[in-house]
Amino acid sequence: MARGAFFPDSCVVADVVPSPNHGERKDGRRPDMILLHYTGMQNAQAALAHLTKSGSEVSAHYFVFEDGRIVQMVEESRRAWHAGAASWGGETDINSCSIGIEIANPGHEFGYPNFSTRQIAAVTALCRSIFTRFTIPAVRVLAHSDVAPSRKQDPGEKFPWRVLHDSGVGHWVKPLPVTEEGHSLVPGDRGDAVEAMQKSLAEYGYGITANGAYDPTTTDVVTAFQRHFRPQRVDGIADASTQRTLQDLLVHRARPRNIAARARAFERLAAPAP
């Protein structure tokens, strides 16, 4: 076996192209998050070369070409360097807790074409394969823009999160239609309504402080939220559709826990007296 080579972790991998850019996961952390990226370069081969080049200081675990071919660059047990400065749910070492998947797409800077059907099928199959080895909650299959909203916009609003969700990958609810009805919160606003929205975004996981001011950071976070969960209009304005979709996501996320809690309470009530 060539220097640095390893056996792939998944049967859906077509080839291994080792990257030297990786390290130990902090405290032996097992990954419990999948982070999806687009490459943001005009050429897929050039992107793969960059991710596997010594000294580039970037990498990911997997690379998915437009035709659906999957290459593994870093072993899942290792900490790849794909998230950069990021946070989610109070965690800031996202690389230690995640598996990174780079999806070949030139991105917003170079025309941002649609993702191919084969490519999305491959990403879905890869995620489902990862699920067989690690416990990845649906709410922790995330976009790079979710964890770094002020720096990143990938994989962007054209990424079909609903398609993945329908195949058992990720968290999603049907967004409320975009209309001009209802009260919108806009950049520059201040007050309790802004603070309540910021608290809801932080509760979901976004790195945001509830200061009651619709500041540039809030605009970035709302924009990232829209790219993932309400892509029909991505403008950083928290219209009624955006606000309602956020609340529906929180309710939907909590529901399984509530059901489990009710089941445990019923079991206690039904148990025979000691």
C-alpha atoms as a PDB file:
ATOM      1  CA  MET A   1       0.000   0.000   0.000  1.00  0.00           C
ATOM      2  CA  ALA A   2       1.315   3.431  -0.950  1.00  0.00           C
ATOM      3  CA  ARG A   3       2.558   5.809   1.714  1.00  0.00           C
ATOM      4  CA  GLY A   4      -0.383   7.355   3.539  1.00  0.00           C
ATOM      5  CA  ALA A   5      -2.907   5.057   1.880  1.00  0.00           C
ATOM      6  CA  PHE A   6      -5.607   3.289   3.873  1.00  0.00           C
ATOM      7  CA  PHE A   7      -8.592   1.066   3.301  1.00  0.00           C
ATOM      8  CA  PRO A   8     -11.844   3.012   2.786  1.00  0.00           C
ATOM      9  CA  ASP A   9     -14.315   3.145   5.642  1.00  0.00           C
ATOM     10  CA  SER A  10     -17.333   2.696   3.365  1.00  0.00           C
ATOM     11  CA  CYS A  11     -18.247   0.343   0.538  1.00  0.00           C
ATOM     12  CA  VAL A  12     -19.622   3.287  -1.463  1.00  0.00           C
ATOM     13  CA  VAL A  13     -16.100   4.712  -1.870  1.00  0.00           C
ATOM     14  CA  ALA A  14     -14.650   4.221  -5.346  1.00  0.00           C
ATOM     15  CA  ASP A  15     -11.078   5.284  -4.584  1.00  0.00           C
ATOM     16  CA  VAL A  16      -8.771   6.506  -1.833  1.00  0.00           C
ATOM     17  CA  VAL A  17      -6.683   9.629  -2.453  1.00  0.00           C
ATOM     18  CA  PRO A  18      -4.943  10.287   0.878  1.00  0.00           C
ATOM     19  CA  SER A  19      -4.574  13.806   2.206  1.00  0.00           C
ATOM     20  CA  PRO A  20      -1.724  14.579   4.630  1.00  0.00           C
ATOM     21  CA  ASN A  21      -3.830  17.277   6.259  1.00  0.00           C
ATOM     22  CA  HIS A  22      -5.371  15.745   9.378  1.00  0.00           C
ATOM     23  CA  GLY A  23      -4.738  15.108  13.064  1.00  0.00           C
ATOM     24  CA  GLU A  24      -6.120  13.534  16.222  1.00  0.00           C
ATOM     25  CA  ARG A  25      -9.688  14.199  17.256  1.00  0.00           C
ATOM     26  CA  LYS A  26      -9.654  16.099  20.547  1.00  0.00           C
ATOM     27  CA  ASP A  27     -10.054  13.804  23.554  1.00  0.00           C
ATOM     28  CA  GLY A  28     -10.679  10.875  21.233  1.00  0.00           C
ATOM     29  CA  ARG A  29     -14.041  12.354  20.247  1.00  0.00           C
ATOM     30  CA  ARG A  30     -16.270  10.144  18.108  1.00  0.00           C
ATOM     31  CA  PRO A  31     -17.954  12.114  15.340  1.00  0.00           C
ATOM     32  CA  ASP A  32     -21.625  12.927  15.839  1.00  0.00           C
ATOM     33  CA  MET A  33     -22.030  15.481  13.041  1.00  0.00           C
ATOM     34  CA  ILE A  34     -21.832  15.463   9.247  1.00  0.00           C
ATOM     35  CA  LEU A  35     -20.848  18.734   7.614  1.00  0.00           C
ATOM     36  CA  LEU A  36     -21.600  19.283   3.929  1.00  0.00           C
ATOM     37  CA  HIS A  37     -19.578  21.661   1.759  1.00  0.00           C
ATOM     38  CA  TYR A  38     -19.235  22.597  -1.872  1.00  0.00           C
ATOM     39  CA  THR A  39     -15.733  22.879  -3.290  1.00  0.00           C
ATOM     40  CA  GLY A  40     -16.133  26.442  -4.625  1.00  0.00           C
ATOM     41  CA  MET A  41     -13.553  25.892  -7.374  1.00  0.00           C
ATOM     42  CA  GLN A  42     -14.118  25.847 -11.134  1.00  0.00           C
ATOM     43  CA  ASN A  43     -12.588  22.397 -11.595  1.00  0.00           C
ATOM     44  CA  ALA A  44     -13.304  19.328  -9.480  1.00  0.00           C
ATOM     45  CA  GLN A  45      -9.866  17.787 -10.060  1.00  0.00           C
ATOM     46  CA  ALA A  46      -8.174  21.012  -8.995  1.00  0.00           C
ATOM     47  CA  ALA A  47     -10.298  21.032  -5.846  1.00  0.00           C
ATOM     48  CA  LEU A  48      -9.337  17.447  -5.029  1.00  0.00           C
ATOM     49  CA  ALA A  49      -5.670  18.283  -5.630  1.00  0.00           C
ATOM     50  CA  HIS A  50      -5.905  21.253  -3.250  1.00  0.00           C
ATOM     51  CA  LEU A  51      -7.546  19.169  -0.524  1.00  0.00           C
ATOM     52  CA  THR A  52      -4.823  16.530  -0.771  1.00  0.00           C
ATOM     53  CA  LYS A  53      -1.828  18.841  -1.144  1.00  0.00           C
ATOM     54  CA  SER A  54       0.705  19.060   1.639  1.00  0.00           C
ATOM     55  CA  GLY A  55       0.800  22.572   3.036  1.00  0.00           C
ATOM     56  CA  SER A  56      -2.681  23.605   1.919  1.00  0.00           C
ATOM     57  CA  GLU A  57      -3.875  22.989   5.492  1.00  0.00           C
ATOM     58  CA  VAL A  58      -7.344  21.967   4.302  1.00  0.00           C
ATOM     59  CA  SER A  59      -8.947  18.569   3.808  1.00  0.00           C
ATOM     60  CA  ALA A  60     -12.153  16.644   4.251  1.00  0.00           C
ATOM     61  CA  HIS A  61     -12.995  13.009   4.752  1.00  0.00           C
ATOM     62  CA  TYR A  62     -14.856  12.564   1.466  1.00  0.00           C
ATOM     63  CA  PHE A  63     -15.124  14.117  -1.991  1.00  0.00           C
ATOM     64  CA  VAL A  64     -18.163  13.575  -4.237  1.00  0.00           C
ATOM     65  CA  PHE A  65     -17.744  14.230  -7.964  1.00  0.00           C
ATOM     66  CA  GLU A  66     -20.529  15.462 -10.248  1.00  0.00           C
ATOM     67  CA  ASP A  67     -21.034  11.953 -11.636  1.00  0.00           C
ATOM     68  CA  GLY A  68     -21.485  10.502  -8.147  1.00  0.00           C
ATOM     69  CA  ARG A  69     -18.018   8.977  -7.760  1.00  0.00           C
ATOM     70  CA  ILE A  70     -16.867   9.125  -4.139  1.00  0.00           C
ATOM     71  CA  VAL A  71     -13.237   9.486  -3.058  1.00  0.00           C
ATOM     72  CA  GLN A  72     -12.060   9.211   0.542  1.00  0.00           C
ATOM     73  CA  MET A  73      -9.200  11.476   1.580  1.00  0.00           C
ATOM     74  CA  VAL A  74      -9.032  11.109   5.376  1.00  0.00           C
ATOM     75  CA  GLU A  75      -9.986   8.199   7.607  1.00  0.00           C
ATOM     76  CA  GLU A  76     -13.139   8.784   9.634  1.00  0.00           C
ATOM     77  CA  SER A  77     -11.204   8.199  12.854  1.00  0.00           C
ATOM     78  CA  ARG A  78      -9.026  11.230  12.101  1.00  0.00           C
ATOM     79  CA  ARG A  79      -9.734  14.955  12.438  1.00  0.00           C
ATOM     80  CA  ALA A  80      -9.903  16.463   8.945  1.00  0.00           C
ATOM     81  CA  TRP A  81      -9.459  20.207   8.471  1.00  0.00           C
ATOM     82  CA  HIS A  82     -12.643  21.362   6.770  1.00  0.00           C
ATOM     83  CA  ALA A  83     -14.737  23.521   9.134  1.00  0.00           C
ATOM     84  CA  GLY A  84     -12.329  26.308  10.058  1.00  0.00           C
ATOM     85  CA  ALA A  85     -13.496  28.873  12.616  1.00  0.00           C
ATOM     86  CA  ALA A  86     -16.989  27.617  13.389  1.00  0.00           C
ATOM     87  CA  SER A  87     -19.481  26.849  16.136  1.00  0.00           C
ATOM     88  CA  TRP A  88     -22.655  24.889  16.716  1.00  0.00           C
ATOM     89  CA  GLY A  89     -24.598  24.325  19.906  1.00  0.00           C
ATOM     90  CA  GLY A  90     -21.840  25.970  21.907  1.00  0.00           C
ATOM     91  CA  GLU A  91     -19.071  23.782  20.438  1.00  0.00           C
ATOM     92  CA  THR A  92     -16.220  25.488  18.619  1.00  0.00           C
ATOM     93  CA  ASP A  93     -13.991  22.541  17.649  1.00  0.00           C
ATOM     94  CA  ILE A  94     -16.286  21.373  14.867  1.00  0.00           C
ATOM     95  CA  ASN A  95     -13.517  19.422  13.156  1.00  0.00           C
ATOM     96  CA  SER A  96     -13.169  17.104  16.151  1.00  0.00           C
ATOM     97  CA  CYS A  97     -16.858  16.184  16.228  1.00  0.00           C
ATOM     98  CA  SER A  98     -17.638  16.011  12.511  1.00  0.00           C
ATOM     99  CA  ILE A  99     -17.147  14.162   9.271  1.00  0.00           C
ATOM    100  CA  GLY A 100     -16.655  16.514   6.336  1.00  0.00           C
ATOM    101  CA  ILE A 101     -17.998  15.857   2.837  1.00  0.00           C
ATOM    102  CA  GLU A 102     -16.873  18.065  -0.048  1.00  0.00           C
ATOM    103  CA  ILE A 103     -19.294  18.125  -2.990  1.00  0.00           C
ATOM    104  CA  ALA A 104     -17.875  19.194  -6.348  1.00  0.00           C
ATOM    105  CA  ASN A 105     -19.623  22.412  -7.366  1.00  0.00           C
ATOM    106  CA  PRO A 106     -17.982  25.698  -8.423  1.00  0.00           C
ATOM    107  CA  GLY A 107     -20.271  27.606  -6.065  1.00  0.00           C
ATOM    108  CA  HIS A 108     -21.682  31.110  -6.070  1.00  0.00           C
ATOM    109  CA  GLU A 109     -18.485  32.703  -7.352  1.00  0.00           C
ATOM    110  CA  PHE A 110     -18.487  30.633 -10.552  1.00  0.00           C
ATOM    111  CA  GLY A 111     -22.100  30.406 -11.661  1.00  0.00           C
ATOM    112  CA  TYR A 112     -23.401  27.974  -9.022  1.00  0.00           C
ATOM    113  CA  PRO A 113     -24.969  25.217 -11.161  1.00  0.00           C
ATOM    114  CA  ASN A 114     -27.488  22.728  -9.834  1.00  0.00           C
ATOM    115  CA  PHE A 115     -26.185  19.629  -8.099  1.00  0.00           C
ATOM    116  CA  SER A 116     -26.596  16.552 -10.280  1.00  0.00           C
ATOM    117  CA  THR A 117     -29.062  13.786  -9.440  1.00  0.00           C
ATOM    118  CA  ARG A 118     -26.235  11.230  -9.290  1.00  0.00           C
ATOM    119  CA  GLN A 119     -24.254  13.469  -6.991  1.00  0.00           C
ATOM    120  CA  ILE A 120     -27.129  13.877  -4.528  1.00  0.00           C
ATOM    121  CA  ALA A 121     -27.821  10.133  -4.617  1.00  0.00           C
ATOM    122  CA  ALA A 122     -24.158   9.525  -3.805  1.00  0.00           C
ATOM    123  CA  VAL A 123     -24.161  12.029  -0.914  1.00  0.00           C
ATOM    124  CA  THR A 124     -27.291  10.353   0.474  1.00  0.00           C
ATOM    125  CA  ALA A 125     -25.782   6.879   0.210  1.00  0.00           C
ATOM    126  CA  LEU A 126     -22.561   8.081   1.833  1.00  0.00           C
ATOM    127  CA  CYS A 127     -24.397   9.694   4.759  1.00  0.00           C
ATOM    128  CA  ARG A 128     -26.481   6.575   5.307  1.00  0.00           C
ATOM    129  CA  SER A 129     -23.279   4.520   5.286  1.00  0.00           C
ATOM    130  CA  ILE A 130     -21.762   6.816   7.931  1.00  0.00           C
ATOM    131  CA  PHE A 131     -24.899   6.307  10.045  1.00  0.00           C
ATOM    132  CA  THR A 132     -24.054   2.600  10.286  1.00  0.00           C
ATOM    133  CA  ARG A 133     -20.796   3.433  12.077  1.00  0.00           C
ATOM    134  CA  PHE A 134     -21.689   6.501  14.146  1.00  0.00           C
ATOM    135  CA  THR A 135     -24.716   7.942  15.900  1.00  0.00           C
ATOM    136  CA  ILE A 136     -25.461  11.102  13.917  1.00  0.00           C
ATOM    137  CA  PRO A 137     -28.670  12.886  14.986  1.00  0.00           C
ATOM    138  CA  ALA A 138     -30.708  14.216  12.084  1.00  0.00           C
ATOM    139  CA  VAL A 139     -30.326  17.756  13.436  1.00  0.00           C
ATOM    140  CA  ARG A 140     -26.546  17.443  13.180  1.00  0.00           C
ATOM    141  CA  VAL A 141     -26.385  16.916   9.423  1.00  0.00           C
ATOM    142  CA  LEU A 142     -25.467  20.500   8.635  1.00  0.00           C
ATOM    143  CA  ALA A 143     -24.213  22.960   6.048  1.00  0.00           C
ATOM    144  CA  HIS A 144     -20.848  24.660   6.315  1.00  0.00           C
ATOM    145  CA  SER A 145     -22.807  27.918   6.305  1.00  0.00           C
ATOM    146  CA  ASP A 146     -24.750  26.782   9.385  1.00  0.00           C
ATOM    147  CA  VAL A 147     -21.611  26.572  11.506  1.00  0.00           C
ATOM    148  CA  ALA A 148     -19.796  29.542   9.923  1.00  0.00           C
ATOM    149  CA  PRO A 149     -22.576  31.891   8.756  1.00  0.00           C
ATOM    150  CA  SER A 150     -20.429  35.010   8.547  1.00  0.00           C
ATOM    151  CA  ARG A 151     -17.773  33.314   6.414  1.00  0.00           C
ATOM    152  CA  LYS A 152     -19.432  30.628   4.315  1.00  0.00           C
ATOM    153  CA  GLN A 153     -22.473  30.078   2.103  1.00  0.00           C
ATOM    154  CA  ASP A 154     -21.984  26.468   1.024  1.00  0.00           C
ATOM    155  CA  PRO A 155     -23.467  24.173  -0.036  1.00  0.00           C
ATOM    156  CA  GLY A 156     -26.030  26.909  -0.609  1.00  0.00           C
ATOM    157  CA  GLU A 157     -29.675  27.347  -1.398  1.00  0.00           C
ATOM    158  CA  LYS A 158     -29.635  24.999  -4.414  1.00  0.00           C
ATOM    159  CA  PHE A 159     -28.666  22.028  -2.290  1.00  0.00           C
ATOM    160  CA  PRO A 160     -31.787  19.796  -2.041  1.00  0.00           C
ATOM    161  CA  TRP A 161     -32.061  19.191   1.692  1.00  0.00           C
ATOM    162  CA  ARG A 162     -35.626  17.934   1.308  1.00  0.00           C
ATOM    163  CA  VAL A 163     -34.457  15.147  -1.013  1.00  0.00           C
ATOM    164  CA  LEU A 164     -31.950  13.998   1.588  1.00  0.00           C
ATOM    165  CA  HIS A 165     -34.537  14.223   4.367  1.00  0.00           C
ATOM    166  CA  ASP A 166     -36.985  12.101   2.369  1.00  0.00           C
ATOM    167  CA  SER A 167     -34.253   9.437   2.251  1.00  0.00           C
ATOM    168  CA  GLY A 168     -33.645   9.598   6.005  1.00  0.00           C
ATOM    169  CA  VAL A 169     -30.801  12.113   6.063  1.00  0.00           C
ATOM    170  CA  GLY A 170     -31.013  15.386   7.979  1.00  0.00           C
ATOM    171  CA  HIS A 171     -33.697  17.484   9.628  1.00  0.00           C
ATOM    172  CA  TRP A 172     -36.244  19.375   7.582  1.00  0.00           C
ATOM    173  CA  VAL A 173     -39.808  20.677   7.725  1.00  0.00           C
ATOM    174  CA  LYS A 174     -41.901  22.118   4.926  1.00  0.00           C
ATOM    175  CA  PRO A 175     -41.280  25.874   5.043  1.00  0.00           C
ATOM    176  CA  LEU A 176     -44.163  28.286   5.260  1.00  0.00           C
ATOM    177  CA  PRO A 177     -44.762  29.859   1.818  1.00  0.00           C
ATOM    178  CA  VAL A 178     -43.132  33.222   1.197  1.00  0.00           C
ATOM    179  CA  THR A 179     -45.752  35.982   1.218  1.00  0.00           C
ATOM    180  CA  GLU A 180     -45.828  39.642   2.053  1.00  0.00           C
ATOM    181  CA  GLU A 181     -48.206  38.966   4.936  1.00  0.00           C
ATOM    182  CA  GLY A 182     -47.141  38.958   8.583  1.00  0.00           C
ATOM    183  CA  HIS A 183     -44.602  41.006  10.495  1.00  0.00           C
ATOM    184  CA  SER A 184     -40.997  40.968   9.321  1.00  0.00           C
ATOM    185  CA  LEU A 185     -37.920  41.684  11.392  1.00  0.00           C
ATOM    186  CA  VAL A 186     -35.255  43.521   9.419  1.00  0.00           C
ATOM    187  CA  PRO A 187     -31.656  44.621   9.930  1.00  0.00           C
ATOM    188  CA  GLY A 188     -31.528  47.576  12.279  1.00  0.00           C
ATOM    189  CA  ASP A 189     -34.535  46.497  14.328  1.00  0.00           C
ATOM    190  CA  ARG A 190     -34.226  46.273  18.104  1.00  0.00           C
ATOM    191  CA  GLY A 191     -36.393  44.898  20.858  1.00  0.00           C
ATOM    192  CA  ASP A 192     -37.959  41.847  22.426  1.00  0.00           C
ATOM    193  CA  ALA A 193     -39.087  40.297  19.143  1.00  0.00           C
ATOM    194  CA  VAL A 194     -35.526  40.338  17.791  1.00  0.00           C
ATOM    195  CA  GLU A 195     -34.197  38.888  21.039  1.00  0.00           C
ATOM    196  CA  ALA A 196     -36.801  36.108  20.968  1.00  0.00           C
ATOM    197  CA  MET A 197     -35.804  35.179  17.415  1.00  0.00           C
ATOM    198  CA  GLN A 198     -32.120  35.195  18.335  1.00  0.00           C
ATOM    199  CA  LYS A 199     -32.857  32.891  21.276  1.00  0.00           C
ATOM    200  CA  SER A 200     -34.701  30.501  18.962  1.00  0.00           C
ATOM    201  CA  LEU A 201     -31.793  30.448  16.495  1.00  0.00           C
ATOM    202  CA  ALA A 202     -29.358  29.797  19.361  1.00  0.00           C
ATOM    203  CA  GLU A 203     -31.625  27.065  20.713  1.00  0.00           C
ATOM    204  CA  TYR A 204     -31.493  25.333  17.355  1.00  0.00           C
ATOM    205  CA  GLY A 205     -27.689  25.530  17.414  1.00  0.00           C
ATOM    206  CA  TYR A 206     -26.567  28.665  15.616  1.00  0.00           C
ATOM    207  CA  GLY A 207     -23.771  30.697  17.168  1.00  0.00           C
ATOM    208  CA  ILE A 208     -25.609  33.902  17.988  1.00  0.00           C
ATOM    209  CA  THR A 209     -25.965  36.111  21.062  1.00  0.00           C
ATOM    210  CA  ALA A 210     -29.471  37.209  22.041  1.00  0.00           C
ATOM    211  CA  ASN A 211     -28.788  40.933  22.412  1.00  0.00           C
ATOM    212  CA  GLY A 212     -32.044  42.237  20.946  1.00  0.00           C
ATOM    213  CA  ALA A 213     -30.277  44.023  18.083  1.00  0.00           C
ATOM    214  CA  TYR A 214     -30.713  42.923  14.461  1.00  0.00           C
ATOM    215  CA  ASP A 215     -27.017  43.435  13.793  1.00  0.00           C
ATOM    216  CA  PRO A 216     -24.809  42.139  10.926  1.00  0.00           C
ATOM    217  CA  THR A 217     -24.191  38.843  12.747  1.00  0.00           C
ATOM    218  CA  THR A 218     -27.934  38.275  13.040  1.00  0.00           C
ATOM    219  CA  THR A 219     -28.342  39.040   9.342  1.00  0.00           C
ATOM    220  CA  ASP A 220     -25.643  36.477   8.505  1.00  0.00           C
ATOM    221  CA  VAL A 221     -27.273  33.818  10.691  1.00  0.00           C
ATOM    222  CA  VAL A 222     -30.747  34.437   9.262  1.00  0.00           C
ATOM    223  CA  THR A 223     -29.273  34.222   5.750  1.00  0.00           C
ATOM    224  CA  ALA A 224     -27.586  30.902   6.576  1.00  0.00           C
ATOM    225  CA  PHE A 225     -30.836  29.608   8.062  1.00  0.00           C
ATOM    226  CA  GLN A 226     -32.701  30.544   4.888  1.00  0.00           C
ATOM    227  CA  ARG A 227     -30.129  28.863   2.638  1.00  0.00           C
ATOM    228  CA  HIS A 228     -30.725  25.589   4.486  1.00  0.00           C
ATOM    229  CA  PHE A 229     -34.363  25.662   5.563  1.00  0.00           C
ATOM    230  CA  ARG A 230     -36.213  28.352   3.553  1.00  0.00           C
ATOM    231  CA  PRO A 231     -34.316  28.727   0.267  1.00  0.00           C
ATOM    232  CA  GLN A 232     -37.175  30.244  -1.738  1.00  0.00           C
ATOM    233  CA  ARG A 233     -35.916  33.698  -0.744  1.00  0.00           C
ATOM    234  CA  VAL A 234     -32.470  34.274   0.753  1.00  0.00           C
ATOM    235  CA  ASP A 235     -32.215  37.889   1.850  1.00  0.00           C
ATOM    236  CA  GLY A 236     -31.366  37.944   5.579  1.00  0.00           C
ATOM    237  CA  ILE A 237     -34.782  39.377   6.446  1.00  0.00           C
ATOM    238  CA  ALA A 238     -36.728  37.399   9.046  1.00  0.00           C
ATOM    239  CA  ASP A 239     -40.135  37.507   7.393  1.00  0.00           C
ATOM    240  CA  ALA A 240     -43.125  35.548   8.698  1.00  0.00           C
ATOM    241  CA  SER A 241     -42.130  32.483   6.648  1.00  0.00           C
ATOM    242  CA  THR A 242     -38.627  32.424   8.113  1.00  0.00           C
ATOM    243  CA  GLN A 243     -39.814  32.902  11.685  1.00  0.00           C
ATOM    244  CA  ARG A 244     -42.538  30.251  11.429  1.00  0.00           C
ATOM    245  CA  THR A 245     -40.216  27.731   9.765  1.00  0.00           C
ATOM    246  CA  LEU A 246     -37.730  28.195  12.602  1.00  0.00           C
ATOM    247  CA  GLN A 247     -40.428  27.547  15.209  1.00  0.00           C
ATOM    248  CA  ASP A 248     -41.701  24.504  13.306  1.00  0.00           C
ATOM    249  CA  LEU A 249     -38.172  23.069  13.242  1.00  0.00           C
ATOM    250  CA  LEU A 250     -37.831  23.517  17.005  1.00  0.00           C
ATOM    251  CA  VAL A 251     -41.198  21.847  17.629  1.00  0.00           C
ATOM    252  CA  HIS A 252     -40.401  18.995  15.246  1.00  0.00           C
ATOM    253  CA  ARG A 253     -36.998  18.467  16.842  1.00  0.00           C
ATOM    254  CA  ALA A 254     -38.489  18.365  20.340  1.00  0.00           C
ATOM    255  CA  ARG A 255     -41.362  16.048  19.462  1.00  0.00           C
ATOM    256  CA  PRO A 256     -39.415  12.745  19.590  1.00  0.00           C
ATOM    257  CA  ARG A 257     -38.079  13.636  23.034  1.00  0.00           C
ATOM    258  CA  ASN A 258     -41.564  14.579  24.225  1.00  0.00           C
ATOM    259  CA  ILE A 259     -42.966  11.312  22.934  1.00  0.00           C
ATOM    260  CA  ALA A 260     -40.223   9.373  24.700  1.00  0.00           C
ATOM    261  CA  ALA A 261     -40.825  11.306  27.924  1.00  0.00           C
ATOM    262  CA  ARG A 262     -44.541  10.583  27.781  1.00  0.00           C
ATOM    263  CA  ALA A 263     -43.832   6.906  27.145  1.00  0.00           C
ATOM    264  CA  ARG A 264     -41.551   6.730  30.176  1.00  0.00           C
ATOM    265  CA  ALA A 265     -44.177   8.481  32.319  1.00  0.00           C
ATOM    266  CA  PHE A 266     -46.821   6.015  31.147  1.00  0.00           C
ATOM    267  CA  GLU A 267     -44.545   3.087  31.959  1.00  0.00           C
ATOM    268  CA  ARG A 268     -44.070   4.431  35.500  1.00  0.00           C
ATOM    269  CA  LEU A 269     -47.813   4.823  35.970  1.00  0.00           C
ATOM    270  CA  ALA A 270     -48.532   1.381  34.568  1.00  0.00           C
ATOM    271  CA  ALA A 271     -45.850  -0.374  36.599  1.00  0.00           C
ATOM    272  CA  PRO A 272     -47.181  -2.498  39.491  1.00  0.00           C
ATOM    273  CA  ALA A 273     -46.760  -1.046  42.950  1.00  0.00           C
ATOM    274  CA  PRO A 274     -43.695  -2.386  44.834  1.00  0.00           C
END
